[in-house]
Amino acid sequence: MRAKSFRIARLTLGLTCNELAHLFGVSVNTIHQLENGNARAPQPTLRLLLAYLDGYRPKDWPDDLK
């Protein structure tokens, strides 16, 4: 997944960088690096992002987005 696609996916989900960082268990800086193309997301992270796009919502999903 390209950096631009990663950002578009986050925006499609209606998540802030802080919210996505919390869901992935990473720092906000890591999300910024992924979105700017300065880092590559591991396969498990990409699979989880695709699951979110497909409708999966974990228990810690932001309440205002359920």
PDB file of N, CA and C in Angstrom:
ATOM      1  N   MET A   1       0.853  -1.176   0.000  1.00  0.00           N
ATOM      2  CA  MET A   1       0.000   0.000   0.000  1.00  0.00           C
ATOM      3  C   MET A   1       0.896   1.236   0.000  1.00  0.00           C
ATOM      4  N   ARG A   2       0.620   2.124  -0.887  1.00  0.00           N
ATOM      5  CA  ARG A   2       1.394   3.361  -0.962  1.00  0.00           C
ATOM      6  C   ARG A   2       0.995   4.308   0.165  1.00  0.00           C
ATOM      7  N   ALA A   3       1.880   5.237   0.471  1.00  0.00           N
ATOM      8  CA  ALA A   3       1.653   6.191   1.554  1.00  0.00           C
ATOM      9  C   ALA A   3       0.344   6.955   1.358  1.00  0.00           C
ATOM     10  N   LYS A   4       0.108   7.418   0.132  1.00  0.00           N
ATOM     11  CA  LYS A   4      -1.112   8.183  -0.133  1.00  0.00           C
ATOM     12  C   LYS A   4      -2.343   7.322   0.136  1.00  0.00           C
ATOM     13  N   SER A   5      -2.286   6.063  -0.244  1.00  0.00           N
ATOM     14  CA  SER A   5      -3.405   5.152  -0.018  1.00  0.00           C
ATOM     15  C   SER A   5      -3.630   4.923   1.469  1.00  0.00           C
ATOM     16  N   PHE A   6      -2.547   4.863   2.232  1.00  0.00           N
ATOM     17  CA  PHE A   6      -2.652   4.674   3.679  1.00  0.00           C
ATOM     18  C   PHE A   6      -3.403   5.850   4.299  1.00  0.00           C
ATOM     19  N   ARG A   7      -3.061   7.056   3.892  1.00  0.00           N
ATOM     20  CA  ARG A   7      -3.730   8.263   4.412  1.00  0.00           C
ATOM     21  C   ARG A   7      -5.191   8.290   3.982  1.00  0.00           C
ATOM     22  N   ILE A   8      -5.450   7.958   2.736  1.00  0.00           N
ATOM     23  CA  ILE A   8      -6.829   7.941   2.236  1.00  0.00           C
ATOM     24  C   ILE A   8      -7.655   6.922   3.022  1.00  0.00           C
ATOM     25  N   ALA A   9      -7.071   5.778   3.329  1.00  0.00           N
ATOM     26  CA  ALA A   9      -7.779   4.767   4.111  1.00  0.00           C
ATOM     27  C   ALA A   9      -8.129   5.317   5.491  1.00  0.00           C
ATOM     28  N   ARG A  10      -7.176   5.993   6.145  1.00  0.00           N
ATOM     29  CA  ARG A  10      -7.442   6.578   7.465  1.00  0.00           C
ATOM     30  C   ARG A  10      -8.560   7.601   7.389  1.00  0.00           C
ATOM     31  N   LEU A  11      -8.511   8.451   6.384  1.00  0.00           N
ATOM     32  CA  LEU A  11      -9.541   9.479   6.235  1.00  0.00           C
ATOM     33  C   LEU A  11     -10.897   8.862   5.905  1.00  0.00           C
ATOM     34  N   THR A  12     -10.908   7.822   5.111  1.00  0.00           N
ATOM     35  CA  THR A  12     -12.147   7.116   4.781  1.00  0.00           C
ATOM     36  C   THR A  12     -12.797   6.559   6.042  1.00  0.00           C
ATOM     37  N   LEU A  13     -11.972   6.089   6.962  1.00  0.00           N
ATOM     38  CA  LEU A  13     -12.477   5.551   8.226  1.00  0.00           C
ATOM     39  C   LEU A  13     -12.899   6.645   9.199  1.00  0.00           C
ATOM     40  N   GLY A  14     -12.539   7.887   8.889  1.00  0.00           N
ATOM     41  CA  GLY A  14     -12.896   9.000   9.760  1.00  0.00           C
ATOM     42  C   GLY A  14     -12.045   9.079  11.010  1.00  0.00           C
ATOM     43  N   LEU A  15     -10.835   8.531  10.937  1.00  0.00           N
ATOM     44  CA  LEU A  15      -9.947   8.498  12.093  1.00  0.00           C
ATOM     45  C   LEU A  15      -8.893   9.589  12.016  1.00  0.00           C
ATOM     46  N   THR A  16      -8.530  10.109  13.187  1.00  0.00           N
ATOM     47  CA  THR A  16      -7.389  11.018  13.264  1.00  0.00           C
ATOM     48  C   THR A  16      -6.118  10.178  13.338  1.00  0.00           C
ATOM     49  N   CYS A  17      -4.995  10.814  13.169  1.00  0.00           N
ATOM     50  CA  CYS A  17      -3.722  10.099  13.317  1.00  0.00           C
ATOM     51  C   CYS A  17      -3.599   9.532  14.730  1.00  0.00           C
ATOM     52  N   ASN A  18      -4.030  10.300  15.727  1.00  0.00           N
ATOM     53  CA  ASN A  18      -3.979   9.838  17.116  1.00  0.00           C
ATOM     54  C   ASN A  18      -4.833   8.599  17.320  1.00  0.00           C
ATOM     55  N   GLU A  19      -6.031   8.596  16.768  1.00  0.00           N
ATOM     56  CA  GLU A  19      -6.931   7.456  16.921  1.00  0.00           C
ATOM     57  C   GLU A  19      -6.367   6.207  16.248  1.00  0.00           C
ATOM     58  N   LEU A  20      -5.849   6.361  15.043  1.00  0.00           N
ATOM     59  CA  LEU A  20      -5.292   5.207  14.342  1.00  0.00           C
ATOM     60  C   LEU A  20      -4.045   4.688  15.053  1.00  0.00           C
ATOM     61  N   ALA A  21      -3.220   5.600  15.561  1.00  0.00           N
ATOM     62  CA  ALA A  21      -2.035   5.190  16.317  1.00  0.00           C
ATOM     63  C   ALA A  21      -2.450   4.363  17.530  1.00  0.00           C
ATOM     64  N   HIS A  22      -3.495   4.791  18.225  1.00  0.00           N
ATOM     65  CA  HIS A  22      -3.992   4.053  19.385  1.00  0.00           C
ATOM     66  C   HIS A  22      -4.467   2.658  18.971  1.00  0.00           C
ATOM     67  N   LEU A  23      -5.234   2.576  17.901  1.00  0.00           N
ATOM     68  CA  LEU A  23      -5.760   1.290  17.448  1.00  0.00           C
ATOM     69  C   LEU A  23      -4.652   0.336  17.019  1.00  0.00           C
ATOM     70  N   PHE A  24      -3.600   0.857  16.425  1.00  0.00           N
ATOM     71  CA  PHE A  24      -2.479   0.028  15.976  1.00  0.00           C
ATOM     72  C   PHE A  24      -1.451  -0.211  17.077  1.00  0.00           C
ATOM     73  N   GLY A  25      -1.534   0.567  18.162  1.00  0.00           N
ATOM     74  CA  GLY A  25      -0.558   0.424  19.240  1.00  0.00           C
ATOM     75  C   GLY A  25       0.808   0.963  18.871  1.00  0.00           C
ATOM     76  N   VAL A  26       0.806   2.047  18.099  1.00  0.00           N
ATOM     77  CA  VAL A  26       2.061   2.679  17.677  1.00  0.00           C
ATOM     78  C   VAL A  26       2.001   4.166  18.011  1.00  0.00           C
ATOM     79  N   SER A  27       3.096   4.855  17.792  1.00  0.00           N
ATOM     80  CA  SER A  27       3.127   6.295  18.044  1.00  0.00           C
ATOM     81  C   SER A  27       2.484   7.053  16.881  1.00  0.00           C
ATOM     82  N   VAL A  28       2.072   8.267  17.171  1.00  0.00           N
ATOM     83  CA  VAL A  28       1.529   9.136  16.115  1.00  0.00           C
ATOM     84  C   VAL A  28       2.606   9.388  15.070  1.00  0.00           C
ATOM     85  N   ASN A  29       3.845   9.487  15.515  1.00  0.00           N
ATOM     86  CA  ASN A  29       4.953   9.691  14.589  1.00  0.00           C
ATOM     87  C   ASN A  29       5.032   8.551  13.573  1.00  0.00           C
ATOM     88  N   THR A  30       4.767   7.326  14.012  1.00  0.00           N
ATOM     89  CA  THR A  30       4.779   6.185  13.101  1.00  0.00           C
ATOM     90  C   THR A  30       3.706   6.338  12.033  1.00  0.00           C
ATOM     91  N   ILE A  31       2.521   6.787  12.427  1.00  0.00           N
ATOM     92  CA  ILE A  31       1.440   7.012  11.456  1.00  0.00           C
ATOM     93  C   ILE A  31       1.866   8.075  10.453  1.00  0.00           C
ATOM     94  N   HIS A  32       2.474   9.148  10.943  1.00  0.00           N
ATOM     95  CA  HIS A  32       2.951  10.202  10.033  1.00  0.00           C
ATOM     96  C   HIS A  32       3.989   9.651   9.067  1.00  0.00           C
ATOM     97  N   GLN A  33       4.895   8.814   9.559  1.00  0.00           N
ATOM     98  CA  GLN A  33       5.917   8.226   8.691  1.00  0.00           C
ATOM     99  C   GLN A  33       5.289   7.334   7.626  1.00  0.00           C
ATOM    100  N   LEU A  34       4.280   6.568   8.012  1.00  0.00           N
ATOM    101  CA  LEU A  34       3.590   5.707   7.047  1.00  0.00           C
ATOM    102  C   LEU A  34       2.889   6.537   5.981  1.00  0.00           C
ATOM    103  N   GLU A  35       2.260   7.618   6.410  1.00  0.00           N
ATOM    104  CA  GLU A  35       1.518   8.460   5.466  1.00  0.00           C
ATOM    105  C   GLU A  35       2.426   9.294   4.572  1.00  0.00           C
ATOM    106  N   ASN A  36       3.628   9.559   5.036  1.00  0.00           N
ATOM    107  CA  ASN A  36       4.570  10.354   4.244  1.00  0.00           C
ATOM    108  C   ASN A  36       5.516   9.495   3.411  1.00  0.00           C
ATOM    109  N   GLY A  37       5.368   8.177   3.514  1.00  0.00           N
ATOM    110  CA  GLY A  37       6.215   7.283   2.736  1.00  0.00           C
ATOM    111  C   GLY A  37       7.594   7.076   3.324  1.00  0.00           C
ATOM    112  N   ASN A  38       7.790   7.479   4.575  1.00  0.00           N
ATOM    113  CA  ASN A  38       9.089   7.318   5.220  1.00  0.00           C
ATOM    114  C   ASN A  38       9.219   5.989   5.952  1.00  0.00           C
ATOM    115  N   ALA A  39       8.165   5.208   5.957  1.00  0.00           N
ATOM    116  CA  ALA A  39       8.180   3.880   6.574  1.00  0.00           C
ATOM    117  C   ALA A  39       7.189   3.010   5.820  1.00  0.00           C
ATOM    118  N   ARG A  40       7.410   1.702   5.902  1.00  0.00           N
ATOM    119  CA  ARG A  40       6.493   0.752   5.273  1.00  0.00           C
ATOM    120  C   ARG A  40       5.736   0.024   6.366  1.00  0.00           C
ATOM    121  N   ALA A  41       4.449  -0.125   6.169  1.00  0.00           N
ATOM    122  CA  ALA A  41       3.626  -0.814   7.158  1.00  0.00           C
ATOM    123  C   ALA A  41       3.873  -2.315   7.076  1.00  0.00           C
ATOM    124  N   PRO A  42       4.017  -2.971   8.227  1.00  0.00           N
ATOM    125  CA  PRO A  42       4.140  -4.430   8.228  1.00  0.00           C
ATOM    126  C   PRO A  42       2.844  -5.072   7.711  1.00  0.00           C
ATOM    127  N   GLN A  43       2.953  -6.275   7.170  1.00  0.00           N
ATOM    128  CA  GLN A  43       1.779  -6.980   6.628  1.00  0.00           C
ATOM    129  C   GLN A  43       0.626  -7.070   7.627  1.00  0.00           C
ATOM    130  N   PRO A  44       0.872  -7.402   8.911  1.00  0.00           N
ATOM    131  CA  PRO A  44      -0.255  -7.474   9.846  1.00  0.00           C
ATOM    132  C   PRO A  44      -0.989  -6.137   9.990  1.00  0.00           C
ATOM    133  N   THR A  45      -0.250  -5.051   9.926  1.00  0.00           N
ATOM    134  CA  THR A  45      -0.867  -3.719  10.018  1.00  0.00           C
ATOM    135  C   THR A  45      -1.745  -3.464   8.805  1.00  0.00           C
ATOM    136  N   LEU A  46      -1.253  -3.820   7.636  1.00  0.00           N
ATOM    137  CA  LEU A  46      -2.041  -3.634   6.412  1.00  0.00           C
ATOM    138  C   LEU A  46      -3.303  -4.493   6.442  1.00  0.00           C
ATOM    139  N   ARG A  47      -3.175  -5.729   6.919  1.00  0.00           N
ATOM    140  CA  ARG A  47      -4.350  -6.609   7.012  1.00  0.00           C
ATOM    141  C   ARG A  47      -5.384  -6.035   7.973  1.00  0.00           C
ATOM    142  N   LEU A  48      -4.905  -5.475   9.097  1.00  0.00           N
ATOM    143  CA  LEU A  48      -5.826  -4.878  10.058  1.00  0.00           C
ATOM    144  C   LEU A  48      -6.506  -3.649   9.456  1.00  0.00           C
ATOM    145  N   LEU A  49      -5.768  -2.832   8.744  1.00  0.00           N
ATOM    146  CA  LEU A  49      -6.350  -1.660   8.096  1.00  0.00           C
ATOM    147  C   LEU A  49      -7.413  -2.080   7.087  1.00  0.00           C
ATOM    148  N   LEU A  50      -7.131  -3.107   6.316  1.00  0.00           N
ATOM    149  CA  LEU A  50      -8.120  -3.604   5.354  1.00  0.00           C
ATOM    150  C   LEU A  50      -9.350  -4.164   6.063  1.00  0.00           C
ATOM    151  N   ALA A  51      -9.153  -4.808   7.215  1.00  0.00           N
ATOM    152  CA  ALA A  51     -10.292  -5.308   7.993  1.00  0.00           C
ATOM    153  C   ALA A  51     -11.143  -4.140   8.484  1.00  0.00           C
ATOM    154  N   TYR A  52     -10.505  -3.062   8.930  1.00  0.00           N
ATOM    155  CA  TYR A  52     -11.254  -1.870   9.344  1.00  0.00           C
ATOM    156  C   TYR A  52     -12.073  -1.332   8.172  1.00  0.00           C
ATOM    157  N   LEU A  53     -11.458  -1.269   6.999  1.00  0.00           N
ATOM    158  CA  LEU A  53     -12.167  -0.770   5.818  1.00  0.00           C
ATOM    159  C   LEU A  53     -13.329  -1.675   5.436  1.00  0.00           C
ATOM    160  N   ASP A  54     -13.203  -2.961   5.786  1.00  0.00           N
ATOM    161  CA  ASP A  54     -14.250  -3.935   5.477  1.00  0.00           C
ATOM    162  C   ASP A  54     -15.346  -3.985   6.542  1.00  0.00           C
ATOM    163  N   GLY A  55     -15.190  -3.172   7.598  1.00  0.00           N
ATOM    164  CA  GLY A  55     -16.246  -3.078   8.603  1.00  0.00           C
ATOM    165  C   GLY A  55     -15.921  -3.616   9.978  1.00  0.00           C
ATOM    166  N   TYR A  56     -14.752  -4.233  10.151  1.00  0.00           N
ATOM    167  CA  TYR A  56     -14.376  -4.732  11.472  1.00  0.00           C
ATOM    168  C   TYR A  56     -14.168  -3.557  12.418  1.00  0.00           C
ATOM    169  N   ARG A  57     -14.730  -3.668  13.629  1.00  0.00           N
ATOM    170  CA  ARG A  57     -14.569  -2.632  14.641  1.00  0.00           C
ATOM    171  C   ARG A  57     -14.192  -3.284  15.971  1.00  0.00           C
ATOM    172  N   PRO A  58     -12.965  -3.048  16.459  1.00  0.00           N
ATOM    173  CA  PRO A  58     -12.560  -3.606  17.742  1.00  0.00           C
ATOM    174  C   PRO A  58     -13.270  -2.893  18.891  1.00  0.00           C
ATOM    175  N   LYS A  59     -13.164  -3.451  20.078  1.00  0.00           N
ATOM    176  CA  LYS A  59     -13.825  -2.868  21.254  1.00  0.00           C
ATOM    177  C   LYS A  59     -13.340  -1.463  21.568  1.00  0.00           C
ATOM    178  N   ASP A  60     -12.094  -1.153  21.229  1.00  0.00           N
ATOM    179  CA  ASP A  60     -11.564   0.187  21.535  1.00  0.00           C
ATOM    180  C   ASP A  60     -11.720   1.173  20.383  1.00  0.00           C
ATOM    181  N   TRP A  61     -12.592   0.850  19.426  1.00  0.00           N
ATOM    182  CA  TRP A  61     -12.878   1.769  18.312  1.00  0.00           C
ATOM    183  C   TRP A  61     -13.499   3.036  18.897  1.00  0.00           C
ATOM    184  N   PRO A  62     -13.139   4.210  18.400  1.00  0.00           N
ATOM    185  CA  PRO A  62     -13.700   5.453  18.951  1.00  0.00           C
ATOM    186  C   PRO A  62     -15.228   5.442  18.931  1.00  0.00           C
ATOM    187  N   ASP A  63     -15.827   5.747  20.091  1.00  0.00           N
ATOM    188  CA  ASP A  63     -17.284   5.688  20.247  1.00  0.00           C
ATOM    189  C   ASP A  63     -18.052   6.527  19.234  1.00  0.00           C
ATOM    190  N   ASP A  64     -17.509   7.692  18.891  1.00  0.00           N
ATOM    191  CA  ASP A  64     -18.217   8.578  17.978  1.00  0.00           C
ATOM    192  C   ASP A  64     -18.190   8.078  16.527  1.00  0.00           C
ATOM    193  N   LEU A  65     -17.479   6.978  16.255  1.00  0.00           N
ATOM    194  CA  LEU A  65     -17.389   6.459  14.889  1.00  0.00           C
ATOM    195  C   LEU A  65     -18.036   5.096  14.729  1.00  0.00           C
ATOM    196  N   LYS A  66     -18.647   4.580  15.780  1.00  0.00           N
ATOM    197  CA  LYS A  66     -19.259   3.235  15.691  1.00  0.00           C
ATOM    198  C   LYS A  66     -20.483   3.242  14.848  1.00  0.00           C
TER     199      LYS A  66
END
